[in-house]
Amino acid sequence: MKLNEKGNLKYYTFENIEKLNLVKHCFSTKFGGVSEGFYESMNLAFREDKKENVIKNYEIICNSIGIDYKNVVFSSQIHQDKVYKVTKNDIGKGLLKESDIKGYDALITNEKDIALVTFYADCVSIFIVDPINKAIGMAHSGWRGTVKEIGAKTIKEMTKQYGSNPKDLIVGIGPSIERCCFQVGEDVVSVFKKDLPFSEKYIFNDTVKDKYKIDLQGIIKQTIINAGVLEKNIELSNLCTMCNSDIFFSHRVMGNDRGSLAGIISL
């Protein structure tokens, strides 16, 4: 991933996606916005923040990557595996008008100038581009979504809706909590082992008794390869949001007193 800096604004982009010259995209950091307090400064979800500040933040970050902020579409995330097909009719939902897109953690579209937006504060973002059929997908994969293979399901839906061939897809897996910090108990580990048997090799005993560390990015990468995407077409951020909580909002570090990061992508 590449860090981009424009004044106070800092955001990351995937080099494999940039090379396509087909989409505008970014993964945000804390920097470059107008929000205050523990939302400081580039908070991209309303939470309890002032509405005008959040809208201004979208204006700032979208302008910088060449997107009209009025064209964003939000998902309403619930850590599940449903995929929503976005059309022009959905433009502005979540930011400028009420959204009826409820309970979807992934968005796809093949229409130009629609900015798909999903939110993060340790969970994993999955950016998907089909350069042949000119379609895009954006998936929010927390540990529950990872077990449910939301990345693979988003790819499957793009194949169904747009004729995407997984071998053609270019994928970016964004900053998130990494193996170094994602400590869990037996309850979470047992779900992974039961529902995703191959994930066992991405689960490690922690130095703390009865605790484990899980490599979510590694598991997601493998589920996407299993779905037919070529390994050479996948770029991992290798950035841990918890280790780098000076740059990113991290739920594990800050709890609910925090802003939200966003992944944004538009054809």
C-alpha atoms as a PDB file:
ATOM      1  CA  MET A   1       0.000   0.000   0.000  1.00  0.00           C
ATOM      2  CA  LYS A   2       1.053   3.535  -0.649  1.00  0.00           C
ATOM      3  CA  LEU A   3       0.658   6.455   1.772  1.00  0.00           C
ATOM      4  CA  ASN A   4      -0.633   9.638   0.093  1.00  0.00           C
ATOM      5  CA  GLU A   5      -0.254  13.012   1.845  1.00  0.00           C
ATOM      6  CA  LYS A   6      -1.941  16.251   0.798  1.00  0.00           C
ATOM      7  CA  GLY A   7      -1.424  18.890   3.479  1.00  0.00           C
ATOM      8  CA  ASN A   8      -2.840  17.405   6.714  1.00  0.00           C
ATOM      9  CA  LEU A   9      -4.773  14.753   4.803  1.00  0.00           C
ATOM     10  CA  LYS A  10      -3.288  11.243   4.767  1.00  0.00           C
ATOM     11  CA  TYR A  11      -4.799   8.186   3.101  1.00  0.00           C
ATOM     12  CA  TYR A  12      -3.632   4.896   1.649  1.00  0.00           C
ATOM     13  CA  THR A  13      -4.103   3.414  -1.821  1.00  0.00           C
ATOM     14  CA  PHE A  14      -3.350  -0.024  -3.291  1.00  0.00           C
ATOM     15  CA  GLU A  15      -0.630  -0.039  -5.912  1.00  0.00           C
ATOM     16  CA  ASN A  16      -2.132  -2.992  -7.826  1.00  0.00           C
ATOM     17  CA  ILE A  17      -5.495  -1.165  -8.093  1.00  0.00           C
ATOM     18  CA  GLU A  18      -3.931   2.192  -8.991  1.00  0.00           C
ATOM     19  CA  LYS A  19      -2.089   0.608 -11.928  1.00  0.00           C
ATOM     20  CA  LEU A  20      -5.432  -0.214 -13.585  1.00  0.00           C
ATOM     21  CA  ASN A  21      -6.352   3.474 -14.052  1.00  0.00           C
ATOM     22  CA  LEU A  22      -9.966   2.362 -13.776  1.00  0.00           C
ATOM     23  CA  VAL A  23     -11.104   3.426 -10.299  1.00  0.00           C
ATOM     24  CA  LYS A  24     -10.631   6.129  -7.661  1.00  0.00           C
ATOM     25  CA  HIS A  25     -10.134   4.613  -4.230  1.00  0.00           C
ATOM     26  CA  CYS A  26      -8.624   5.089  -0.780  1.00  0.00           C
ATOM     27  CA  PHE A  27      -8.468   3.814   2.778  1.00  0.00           C
ATOM     28  CA  SER A  28      -8.644   6.710   5.223  1.00  0.00           C
ATOM     29  CA  THR A  29      -6.569   7.549   8.304  1.00  0.00           C
ATOM     30  CA  LYS A  30      -7.332   9.793  11.281  1.00  0.00           C
ATOM     31  CA  PHE A  31      -5.784  12.788   9.532  1.00  0.00           C
ATOM     32  CA  GLY A  32      -7.090  15.650   7.422  1.00  0.00           C
ATOM     33  CA  GLY A  33     -10.647  16.222   8.638  1.00  0.00           C
ATOM     34  CA  VAL A  34     -12.535  18.749  10.762  1.00  0.00           C
ATOM     35  CA  SER A  35     -14.023  16.531  13.516  1.00  0.00           C
ATOM     36  CA  GLU A  36     -13.062  17.252  17.116  1.00  0.00           C
ATOM     37  CA  GLY A  37     -12.562  15.499  20.432  1.00  0.00           C
ATOM     38  CA  PHE A  38     -12.067  11.736  20.141  1.00  0.00           C
ATOM     39  CA  TYR A  39     -13.395  11.921  16.558  1.00  0.00           C
ATOM     40  CA  GLU A  40     -10.378  13.995  15.575  1.00  0.00           C
ATOM     41  CA  SER A  41     -10.118  14.516  12.750  1.00  0.00           C
ATOM     42  CA  MET A  42     -11.127  12.470   9.675  1.00  0.00           C
ATOM     43  CA  ASN A  43     -14.122  10.649  11.171  1.00  0.00           C
ATOM     44  CA  LEU A  44     -16.241   9.172   8.365  1.00  0.00           C
ATOM     45  CA  ALA A  45     -19.229   7.693  10.242  1.00  0.00           C
ATOM     46  CA  PHE A  46     -21.917   9.720  11.995  1.00  0.00           C
ATOM     47  CA  ARG A  47     -21.800   7.905  15.354  1.00  0.00           C
ATOM     48  CA  GLU A  48     -22.411  10.878  17.731  1.00  0.00           C
ATOM     49  CA  ASP A  49     -20.282  13.291  15.712  1.00  0.00           C
ATOM     50  CA  LYS A  50     -21.727  16.512  14.262  1.00  0.00           C
ATOM     51  CA  LYS A  51     -23.409  15.824  10.944  1.00  0.00           C
ATOM     52  CA  GLU A  52     -21.887  18.877   9.248  1.00  0.00           C
ATOM     53  CA  ASN A  53     -18.385  17.751  10.266  1.00  0.00           C
ATOM     54  CA  VAL A  54     -18.829  14.271   8.806  1.00  0.00           C
ATOM     55  CA  ILE A  55     -20.205  15.688   5.546  1.00  0.00           C
ATOM     56  CA  LYS A  56     -17.266  18.122   5.388  1.00  0.00           C
ATOM     57  CA  ASN A  57     -14.859  15.226   5.939  1.00  0.00           C
ATOM     58  CA  TYR A  58     -16.367  13.402   2.961  1.00  0.00           C
ATOM     59  CA  GLU A  59     -16.087  16.537   0.875  1.00  0.00           C
ATOM     60  CA  ILE A  60     -12.378  16.815   1.764  1.00  0.00           C
ATOM     61  CA  ILE A  61     -11.358  13.194   1.187  1.00  0.00           C
ATOM     62  CA  CYS A  62     -13.533  12.634  -1.895  1.00  0.00           C
ATOM     63  CA  ASN A  63     -12.313  15.825  -3.576  1.00  0.00           C
ATOM     64  CA  SER A  64      -8.720  14.775  -2.984  1.00  0.00           C
ATOM     65  CA  ILE A  65      -9.188  11.456  -4.809  1.00  0.00           C
ATOM     66  CA  GLY A  66     -11.355  12.922  -7.568  1.00  0.00           C
ATOM     67  CA  ILE A  67     -14.812  11.766  -6.470  1.00  0.00           C
ATOM     68  CA  ASP A  68     -17.966  13.877  -5.976  1.00  0.00           C
ATOM     69  CA  TYR A  69     -18.838  13.346  -2.298  1.00  0.00           C
ATOM     70  CA  LYS A  70     -22.541  13.552  -3.138  1.00  0.00           C
ATOM     71  CA  ASN A  71     -22.192  10.208  -4.954  1.00  0.00           C
ATOM     72  CA  VAL A  72     -21.309   8.082  -1.916  1.00  0.00           C
ATOM     73  CA  VAL A  73     -23.393   5.088  -0.853  1.00  0.00           C
ATOM     74  CA  PHE A  74     -23.040   3.637   2.664  1.00  0.00           C
ATOM     75  CA  SER A  75     -23.601   0.101   3.795  1.00  0.00           C
ATOM     76  CA  SER A  76     -25.217  -0.553   7.174  1.00  0.00           C
ATOM     77  CA  GLN A  77     -22.902  -3.198   8.587  1.00  0.00           C
ATOM     78  CA  ILE A  78     -23.955  -6.013  10.927  1.00  0.00           C
ATOM     79  CA  HIS A  79     -21.027  -8.477  10.636  1.00  0.00           C
ATOM     80  CA  GLN A  80     -22.918 -10.763   8.261  1.00  0.00           C
ATOM     81  CA  ASP A  81     -22.379 -11.862   4.658  1.00  0.00           C
ATOM     82  CA  LYS A  82     -25.075 -10.189   2.547  1.00  0.00           C
ATOM     83  CA  VAL A  83     -24.058  -8.409  -0.674  1.00  0.00           C
ATOM     84  CA  TYR A  84     -26.004  -5.444  -2.101  1.00  0.00           C
ATOM     85  CA  LYS A  85     -26.031  -4.447  -5.767  1.00  0.00           C
ATOM     86  CA  VAL A  86     -25.797  -0.643  -5.895  1.00  0.00           C
ATOM     87  CA  THR A  87     -27.322   1.429  -8.714  1.00  0.00           C
ATOM     88  CA  LYS A  88     -27.672   5.136  -9.495  1.00  0.00           C
ATOM     89  CA  ASN A  89     -30.908   5.128  -7.448  1.00  0.00           C
ATOM     90  CA  ASP A  90     -28.836   4.573  -4.295  1.00  0.00           C
ATOM     91  CA  ILE A  91     -26.567   7.605  -4.690  1.00  0.00           C
ATOM     92  CA  GLY A  92     -26.326   9.689  -1.513  1.00  0.00           C
ATOM     93  CA  LYS A  93     -27.851   7.028   0.745  1.00  0.00           C
ATOM     94  CA  GLY A  94     -26.382   7.121   4.225  1.00  0.00           C
ATOM     95  CA  LEU A  95     -24.720  10.525   3.919  1.00  0.00           C
ATOM     96  CA  LEU A  96     -27.187  12.963   2.348  1.00  0.00           C
ATOM     97  CA  LYS A  97     -30.405  10.966   2.602  1.00  0.00           C
ATOM     98  CA  GLU A  98     -31.920   8.161   4.636  1.00  0.00           C
ATOM     99  CA  SER A  99     -30.653   4.745   3.592  1.00  0.00           C
ATOM    100  CA  ASP A 100     -32.786   1.643   3.156  1.00  0.00           C
ATOM    101  CA  ILE A 101     -29.662  -0.477   2.578  1.00  0.00           C
ATOM    102  CA  LYS A 102     -29.822  -2.262   5.924  1.00  0.00           C
ATOM    103  CA  GLY A 103     -27.886  -5.317   7.026  1.00  0.00           C
ATOM    104  CA  TYR A 104     -25.402  -5.520   4.166  1.00  0.00           C
ATOM    105  CA  ASP A 105     -21.654  -5.754   4.742  1.00  0.00           C
ATOM    106  CA  ALA A 106     -20.684  -5.744   1.066  1.00  0.00           C
ATOM    107  CA  LEU A 107     -21.546  -3.499  -1.883  1.00  0.00           C
ATOM    108  CA  ILE A 108     -21.016  -4.069  -5.611  1.00  0.00           C
ATOM    109  CA  THR A 109     -21.690  -1.989  -8.724  1.00  0.00           C
ATOM    110  CA  ASN A 110     -20.815  -1.729 -12.413  1.00  0.00           C
ATOM    111  CA  GLU A 111     -22.093   1.837 -12.779  1.00  0.00           C
ATOM    112  CA  LYS A 112     -19.678   4.741 -13.057  1.00  0.00           C
ATOM    113  CA  ASP A 113     -19.387   7.566 -10.514  1.00  0.00           C
ATOM    114  CA  ILE A 114     -20.916   5.681  -7.590  1.00  0.00           C
ATOM    115  CA  ALA A 115     -18.636   5.670  -4.533  1.00  0.00           C
ATOM    116  CA  LEU A 116     -19.047   2.533  -2.426  1.00  0.00           C
ATOM    117  CA  VAL A 117     -18.233   3.150   1.261  1.00  0.00           C
ATOM    118  CA  THR A 118     -17.691   0.686   4.119  1.00  0.00           C
ATOM    119  CA  PHE A 119     -16.502   1.464   7.676  1.00  0.00           C
ATOM    120  CA  TYR A 120     -13.656   0.221   9.852  1.00  0.00           C
ATOM    121  CA  ALA A 121     -11.912   0.441  13.204  1.00  0.00           C
ATOM    122  CA  ASP A 122      -9.976  -2.883  13.231  1.00  0.00           C
ATOM    123  CA  CYS A 123     -12.089  -5.039  10.868  1.00  0.00           C
ATOM    124  CA  VAL A 124     -10.748  -5.910   7.421  1.00  0.00           C
ATOM    125  CA  SER A 125     -11.618  -4.059   4.200  1.00  0.00           C
ATOM    126  CA  ILE A 126     -11.665  -5.952   0.897  1.00  0.00           C
ATOM    127  CA  PHE A 127     -11.428  -3.899  -2.317  1.00  0.00           C
ATOM    128  CA  ILE A 128     -12.301  -5.832  -5.503  1.00  0.00           C
ATOM    129  CA  VAL A 129     -11.928  -4.621  -9.103  1.00  0.00           C
ATOM    130  CA  ASP A 130     -12.937  -6.442 -12.286  1.00  0.00           C
ATOM    131  CA  PRO A 131     -10.936  -4.639 -15.005  1.00  0.00           C
ATOM    132  CA  ILE A 132     -12.498  -6.709 -17.823  1.00  0.00           C
ATOM    133  CA  ASN A 133     -16.212  -6.195 -17.075  1.00  0.00           C
ATOM    134  CA  LYS A 134     -15.571  -2.885 -15.280  1.00  0.00           C
ATOM    135  CA  ALA A 135     -17.209  -3.696 -11.958  1.00  0.00           C
ATOM    136  CA  ILE A 136     -16.176  -3.121  -8.337  1.00  0.00           C
ATOM    137  CA  GLY A 137     -16.884  -4.533  -4.899  1.00  0.00           C
ATOM    138  CA  MET A 138     -16.207  -3.416  -1.338  1.00  0.00           C
ATOM    139  CA  ALA A 139     -16.603  -5.802   1.613  1.00  0.00           C
ATOM    140  CA  HIS A 140     -16.393  -5.301   5.389  1.00  0.00           C
ATOM    141  CA  SER A 141     -14.979  -8.447   6.986  1.00  0.00           C
ATOM    142  CA  GLY A 142     -14.878  -8.627  10.770  1.00  0.00           C
ATOM    143  CA  TRP A 143     -14.075 -12.012  12.299  1.00  0.00           C
ATOM    144  CA  ARG A 144     -17.685 -13.155  11.846  1.00  0.00           C
ATOM    145  CA  GLY A 145     -17.744 -12.012   8.222  1.00  0.00           C
ATOM    146  CA  THR A 146     -14.387 -13.735   7.707  1.00  0.00           C
ATOM    147  CA  VAL A 147     -15.785 -17.047   8.995  1.00  0.00           C
ATOM    148  CA  LYS A 148     -18.756 -16.567   6.652  1.00  0.00           C
ATOM    149  CA  GLU A 149     -16.317 -15.879   3.774  1.00  0.00           C
ATOM    150  CA  ILE A 150     -17.856 -12.560   2.800  1.00  0.00           C
ATOM    151  CA  GLY A 151     -14.961 -11.836   0.423  1.00  0.00           C
ATOM    152  CA  ALA A 152     -15.624 -15.007  -1.568  1.00  0.00           C
ATOM    153  CA  LYS A 153     -19.384 -14.336  -1.513  1.00  0.00           C
ATOM    154  CA  THR A 154     -18.838 -10.821  -2.880  1.00  0.00           C
ATOM    155  CA  ILE A 155     -16.783 -12.313  -5.720  1.00  0.00           C
ATOM    156  CA  LYS A 156     -19.501 -14.908  -6.370  1.00  0.00           C
ATOM    157  CA  GLU A 157     -22.128 -12.152  -6.564  1.00  0.00           C
ATOM    158  CA  MET A 158     -19.971 -10.130  -8.972  1.00  0.00           C
ATOM    159  CA  THR A 159     -19.677 -13.265 -11.142  1.00  0.00           C
ATOM    160  CA  LYS A 160     -23.464 -13.688 -11.073  1.00  0.00           C
ATOM    161  CA  GLN A 161     -24.373 -10.033 -11.667  1.00  0.00           C
ATOM    162  CA  TYR A 162     -21.579  -8.860 -13.976  1.00  0.00           C
ATOM    163  CA  GLY A 163     -20.033 -11.999 -15.438  1.00  0.00           C
ATOM    164  CA  SER A 164     -16.781 -11.490 -13.519  1.00  0.00           C
ATOM    165  CA  ASN A 165     -14.134 -14.206 -13.844  1.00  0.00           C
ATOM    166  CA  PRO A 166     -12.318 -14.557 -10.493  1.00  0.00           C
ATOM    167  CA  LYS A 167      -8.992 -15.010 -12.368  1.00  0.00           C
ATOM    168  CA  ASP A 168      -9.315 -11.447 -13.724  1.00  0.00           C
ATOM    169  CA  LEU A 169     -10.040  -9.766 -10.382  1.00  0.00           C
ATOM    170  CA  ILE A 170      -7.592  -7.420  -8.666  1.00  0.00           C
ATOM    171  CA  VAL A 171      -7.976  -7.393  -4.870  1.00  0.00           C
ATOM    172  CA  GLY A 172      -6.676  -5.230  -2.020  1.00  0.00           C
ATOM    173  CA  ILE A 173      -6.930  -6.265   1.643  1.00  0.00           C
ATOM    174  CA  GLY A 174      -6.757  -3.130   3.788  1.00  0.00           C
ATOM    175  CA  PRO A 175      -5.336  -2.089   7.170  1.00  0.00           C
ATOM    176  CA  SER A 176      -6.910  -3.983  10.077  1.00  0.00           C
ATOM    177  CA  ILE A 177      -6.077  -5.639  13.355  1.00  0.00           C
ATOM    178  CA  GLU A 178      -3.319  -8.141  12.538  1.00  0.00           C
ATOM    179  CA  ARG A 179      -2.091 -11.402  13.987  1.00  0.00           C
ATOM    180  CA  CYS A 180       0.224  -9.479  16.345  1.00  0.00           C
ATOM    181  CA  CYS A 181      -2.765  -7.961  18.189  1.00  0.00           C
ATOM    182  CA  PHE A 182      -5.893  -9.999  17.428  1.00  0.00           C
ATOM    183  CA  GLN A 183      -6.094 -11.945  20.676  1.00  0.00           C
ATOM    184  CA  VAL A 184      -9.181 -14.134  21.181  1.00  0.00           C
ATOM    185  CA  GLY A 185     -10.461 -16.932  23.389  1.00  0.00           C
ATOM    186  CA  GLU A 186     -11.460 -20.529  22.686  1.00  0.00           C
ATOM    187  CA  ASP A 187     -15.045 -19.438  21.855  1.00  0.00           C
ATOM    188  CA  VAL A 188     -13.919 -17.569  18.712  1.00  0.00           C
ATOM    189  CA  VAL A 189     -11.298 -20.156  17.760  1.00  0.00           C
ATOM    190  CA  SER A 190     -13.839 -22.990  17.908  1.00  0.00           C
ATOM    191  CA  VAL A 191     -16.104 -21.183  15.402  1.00  0.00           C
ATOM    192  CA  PHE A 192     -13.209 -20.797  12.945  1.00  0.00           C
ATOM    193  CA  LYS A 193     -12.132 -24.447  13.311  1.00  0.00           C
ATOM    194  CA  LYS A 194     -15.699 -25.714  12.870  1.00  0.00           C
ATOM    195  CA  ASP A 195     -16.789 -23.503   9.949  1.00  0.00           C
ATOM    196  CA  LEU A 196     -13.421 -22.949   8.206  1.00  0.00           C
ATOM    197  CA  PRO A 197     -11.243 -26.000   8.898  1.00  0.00           C
ATOM    198  CA  PHE A 198      -8.330 -24.692   6.783  1.00  0.00           C
ATOM    199  CA  SER A 199      -8.095 -21.628   9.085  1.00  0.00           C
ATOM    200  CA  GLU A 200      -6.381 -23.725  11.756  1.00  0.00           C
ATOM    201  CA  LYS A 201      -2.966 -22.923  10.276  1.00  0.00           C
ATOM    202  CA  TYR A 202      -3.688 -19.187  10.774  1.00  0.00           C
ATOM    203  CA  ILE A 203      -4.465 -19.637  14.495  1.00  0.00           C
ATOM    204  CA  PHE A 204      -1.597 -19.479  16.969  1.00  0.00           C
ATOM    205  CA  ASN A 205      -1.262 -20.123  20.690  1.00  0.00           C
ATOM    206  CA  ASP A 206      -0.686 -16.857  22.539  1.00  0.00           C
ATOM    207  CA  THR A 207       1.764 -16.397  25.395  1.00  0.00           C
ATOM    208  CA  VAL A 208      -1.326 -15.918  27.605  1.00  0.00           C
ATOM    209  CA  LYS A 209      -2.984 -19.144  28.780  1.00  0.00           C
ATOM    210  CA  ASP A 210      -6.176 -20.090  26.893  1.00  0.00           C
ATOM    211  CA  LYS A 211      -5.707 -17.180  24.474  1.00  0.00           C
ATOM    212  CA  TYR A 212      -4.935 -17.307  20.781  1.00  0.00           C
ATOM    213  CA  LYS A 213      -3.853 -14.978  17.968  1.00  0.00           C
ATOM    214  CA  ILE A 214      -5.621 -15.139  14.594  1.00  0.00           C
ATOM    215  CA  ASP A 215      -4.285 -13.935  11.227  1.00  0.00           C
ATOM    216  CA  LEU A 216      -7.505 -12.569   9.707  1.00  0.00           C
ATOM    217  CA  GLN A 217      -5.801 -11.082   6.649  1.00  0.00           C
ATOM    218  CA  GLY A 218      -4.164 -14.436   5.916  1.00  0.00           C
ATOM    219  CA  ILE A 219      -7.475 -16.287   6.219  1.00  0.00           C
ATOM    220  CA  ILE A 220      -9.248 -13.768   3.979  1.00  0.00           C
ATOM    221  CA  LYS A 221      -6.481 -13.994   1.385  1.00  0.00           C
ATOM    222  CA  GLN A 222      -6.840 -17.791   1.364  1.00  0.00           C
ATOM    223  CA  THR A 223     -10.658 -17.703   1.030  1.00  0.00           C
ATOM    224  CA  ILE A 224     -10.264 -15.337  -1.922  1.00  0.00           C
ATOM    225  CA  ILE A 225      -7.698 -17.641  -3.560  1.00  0.00           C
ATOM    226  CA  ASN A 226     -10.093 -20.541  -2.927  1.00  0.00           C
ATOM    227  CA  ALA A 227     -12.736 -18.484  -4.785  1.00  0.00           C
ATOM    228  CA  GLY A 228     -10.487 -18.450  -7.869  1.00  0.00           C
ATOM    229  CA  VAL A 229      -8.536 -15.187  -7.534  1.00  0.00           C
ATOM    230  CA  LEU A 230      -4.848 -15.471  -8.480  1.00  0.00           C
ATOM    231  CA  GLU A 231      -2.454 -14.918  -5.581  1.00  0.00           C
ATOM    232  CA  LYS A 232      -0.383 -12.461  -7.661  1.00  0.00           C
ATOM    233  CA  ASN A 233      -3.502 -10.276  -8.021  1.00  0.00           C
ATOM    234  CA  ILE A 234      -3.947  -9.796  -4.235  1.00  0.00           C
ATOM    235  CA  GLU A 235      -2.208  -6.985  -2.349  1.00  0.00           C
ATOM    236  CA  LEU A 236      -2.047  -7.132   1.454  1.00  0.00           C
ATOM    237  CA  SER A 237      -1.673  -3.880   3.382  1.00  0.00           C
ATOM    238  CA  ASN A 238       0.384  -5.478   6.184  1.00  0.00           C
ATOM    239  CA  LEU A 239      -0.698  -2.547   8.374  1.00  0.00           C
ATOM    240  CA  CYS A 240      -2.086  -3.224  11.849  1.00  0.00           C
ATOM    241  CA  THR A 241      -4.666  -0.677  13.014  1.00  0.00           C
ATOM    242  CA  MET A 242      -4.072  -1.533  16.677  1.00  0.00           C
ATOM    243  CA  CYS A 243      -0.262  -1.211  16.469  1.00  0.00           C
ATOM    244  CA  ASN A 244      -0.746   2.025  14.536  1.00  0.00           C
ATOM    245  CA  SER A 245      -3.560   3.591  16.572  1.00  0.00           C
ATOM    246  CA  ASP A 246      -1.751   6.926  16.207  1.00  0.00           C
ATOM    247  CA  ILE A 247      -2.678   6.749  12.488  1.00  0.00           C
ATOM    248  CA  PHE A 248      -5.905   4.693  12.508  1.00  0.00           C
ATOM    249  CA  PHE A 249      -9.001   4.519  14.711  1.00  0.00           C
ATOM    250  CA  SER A 250      -8.843   1.195  16.597  1.00  0.00           C
ATOM    251  CA  HIS A 251     -11.822  -0.169  18.521  1.00  0.00           C
ATOM    252  CA  ARG A 252      -9.566  -2.412  20.595  1.00  0.00           C
ATOM    253  CA  VAL A 253      -7.515   0.601  21.714  1.00  0.00           C
ATOM    254  CA  MET A 254     -10.211   3.292  21.983  1.00  0.00           C
ATOM    255  CA  GLY A 255     -13.472   1.416  22.561  1.00  0.00           C
ATOM    256  CA  ASN A 256     -16.547   3.395  21.499  1.00  0.00           C
ATOM    257  CA  ASP A 257     -14.799   6.743  22.053  1.00  0.00           C
ATOM    258  CA  ARG A 258     -13.446   6.925  18.530  1.00  0.00           C
ATOM    259  CA  GLY A 259     -14.174   7.865  14.962  1.00  0.00           C
ATOM    260  CA  SER A 260     -14.455   5.486  12.000  1.00  0.00           C
ATOM    261  CA  LEU A 261     -12.180   4.867   9.053  1.00  0.00           C
ATOM    262  CA  ALA A 262     -13.617   4.183   5.605  1.00  0.00           C
ATOM    263  CA  GLY A 263     -12.768   2.303   2.457  1.00  0.00           C
ATOM    264  CA  ILE A 264     -13.990   4.197  -0.616  1.00  0.00           C
ATOM    265  CA  ILE A 265     -14.011   3.009  -4.238  1.00  0.00           C
ATOM    266  CA  SER A 266     -15.639   4.350  -7.424  1.00  0.00           C
ATOM    267  CA  LEU A 267     -15.452   3.481 -11.134  1.00  0.00           C
END
